[in-house]
Amino acid sequence: MKKIFAAVGLLFLLQSAWAIDIGDAKDQGLVGEAKSGYLAAVQSPASAEVRALIADVNVKRKDHFEETARKTGVTTEQVAVRFYELAVQRTTPGHYYQDVNGNWQKK
């Protein structure tokens, strides 16, 4: 289990490469942390630019979730759930996340 926490932490560090774009989109309330562990559009329809950002981030997240699952012996879904939990904890006030029912909440 320690490995999964370390790997998820590494994912947060790697995510900083996209932080400016994600940060801007989150600041504008366009995207948020979905309960799936992935980034999602808060508003719809989302612009092409926002959809492209979401797709790029989520491909990278999926790769990291799968790699972490292989290394730690847990499922990809378990890694994604843990990532979601940590992402909600780290969500900045004013940014959005989905609650367990899938409703968008502003922190």
Protein backbone atom coordinates (compact mmCIF):
# COMPACT_ATOMS: atom_id res chain seq x y z
CA MET A 1 0.00 0.00 0.00
CA LYS A 2 2.96 2.34 0.65
CA LYS A 3 3.97 1.89 -2.97
CA ILE A 4 0.57 3.04 -4.19
CA PHE A 5 0.81 6.22 -2.10
CA ALA A 6 4.31 6.92 -3.42
CA ALA A 7 3.23 6.29 -6.99
CA VAL A 8 0.18 8.52 -6.67
CA GLY A 9 2.42 11.20 -5.15
CA LEU A 10 4.73 10.88 -8.13
CA LEU A 11 1.76 11.34 -10.41
CA PHE A 12 0.98 14.65 -8.70
CA LEU A 13 4.57 15.76 -9.30
CA LEU A 14 4.44 14.71 -12.94
CA GLN A 15 1.13 16.49 -13.33
CA SER A 16 2.92 19.77 -12.59
CA ALA A 17 4.16 19.71 -16.17
CA TRP A 18 0.56 20.55 -17.14
CA ALA A 19 -0.20 22.64 -14.03
CA ILE A 20 -0.47 25.99 -15.81
CA ASP A 21 -3.05 24.79 -18.33
CA ILE A 22 -4.95 22.72 -15.79
CA GLY A 23 -4.66 25.51 -13.25
CA ASP A 24 -6.09 28.06 -15.65
CA ALA A 25 -8.95 25.73 -16.59
CA LYS A 26 -9.67 24.98 -12.93
CA ASP A 27 -9.47 28.67 -12.00
CA GLN A 28 -12.09 29.40 -14.65
CA GLY A 29 -14.34 26.58 -13.41
CA LEU A 30 -14.07 24.72 -16.71
CA VAL A 31 -12.65 21.42 -15.39
CA GLY A 32 -12.58 19.56 -12.14
CA GLU A 33 -11.62 16.30 -10.50
CA ALA A 34 -14.14 13.62 -11.40
CA LYS A 35 -14.93 10.80 -9.00
CA SER A 36 -13.39 8.44 -11.57
CA GLY A 37 -9.91 9.82 -10.83
CA TYR A 38 -9.83 11.61 -14.16
CA LEU A 39 -10.21 15.23 -15.18
CA ALA A 40 -13.64 16.19 -16.51
CA ALA A 41 -15.49 19.19 -17.89
CA VAL A 42 -17.59 21.01 -15.30
CA GLN A 43 -19.50 22.98 -17.90
CA SER A 44 -20.93 21.62 -21.09
CA PRO A 45 -20.55 21.86 -23.84
CA ALA A 46 -16.82 22.16 -23.30
CA SER A 47 -14.73 23.99 -25.87
CA ALA A 48 -12.42 22.08 -28.17
CA GLU A 49 -9.44 23.44 -26.24
CA VAL A 50 -10.84 22.18 -22.92
CA ARG A 51 -11.71 18.78 -24.44
CA ALA A 52 -8.16 18.50 -25.78
CA LEU A 53 -6.68 19.37 -22.38
CA ILE A 54 -8.90 16.79 -20.67
CA ALA A 55 -7.99 14.12 -23.22
CA ASP A 56 -4.26 14.81 -22.88
CA VAL A 57 -4.31 14.78 -19.08
CA ASN A 58 -6.48 11.68 -18.89
CA VAL A 59 -4.32 9.64 -21.27
CA LYS A 60 -1.34 10.38 -19.05
CA ARG A 61 -3.29 9.65 -15.87
CA LYS A 62 -4.50 6.33 -17.27
CA ASP A 63 -0.94 5.33 -18.16
CA HIS A 64 0.23 6.18 -14.64
CA PHE A 65 -2.73 4.43 -13.02
CA GLU A 66 -2.00 1.26 -15.02
CA GLU A 67 1.72 1.40 -14.28
CA THR A 68 1.09 1.95 -10.58
CA ALA A 69 -1.40 -0.92 -10.50
CA ARG A 70 1.15 -3.27 -12.09
CA LYS A 71 3.86 -2.21 -9.65
CA THR A 72 1.71 -2.43 -6.54
CA GLY A 73 -0.47 -5.44 -7.32
CA VAL A 74 -3.76 -3.58 -7.04
CA THR A 75 -6.32 -2.79 -9.72
CA THR A 76 -6.23 0.27 -11.93
CA GLU A 77 -9.60 1.24 -10.43
CA GLN A 78 -8.15 1.14 -6.91
CA VAL A 79 -5.31 3.44 -7.98
CA ALA A 80 -7.80 5.82 -9.64
CA VAL A 81 -9.99 5.89 -6.52
CA ARG A 82 -7.00 6.67 -4.32
CA PHE A 83 -5.88 9.38 -6.73
CA TYR A 84 -9.38 10.89 -6.61
CA GLU A 85 -9.34 10.89 -2.79
CA LEU A 86 -5.99 12.69 -2.73
CA ALA A 87 -7.04 15.07 -5.50
CA VAL A 88 -10.15 16.11 -3.55
CA GLN A 89 -8.05 16.70 -0.44
CA ARG A 90 -5.67 18.87 -2.46
CA THR A 91 -8.35 20.71 -4.41
CA THR A 92 -7.89 24.44 -4.02
CA PRO A 93 -10.79 26.47 -2.63
CA GLY A 94 -12.86 27.71 -5.55
CA HIS A 95 -12.10 24.68 -7.71
CA TYR A 96 -14.52 21.89 -8.53
CA TYR A 97 -14.65 18.19 -7.77
CA GLN A 98 -17.36 15.57 -8.02
CA ASP A 99 -18.85 14.17 -4.85
CA VAL A 100 -19.48 10.43 -4.53
CA ASN A 101 -22.84 10.88 -6.29
CA GLY A 102 -21.22 12.58 -9.30
CA ASN A 103 -22.46 16.09 -8.49
CA TRP A 104 -20.06 18.95 -8.97
CA GLN A 105 -19.05 20.70 -5.75
CA LYS A 106 -17.08 23.89 -5.39
CA LYS A 107 -14.53 23.66 -2.62
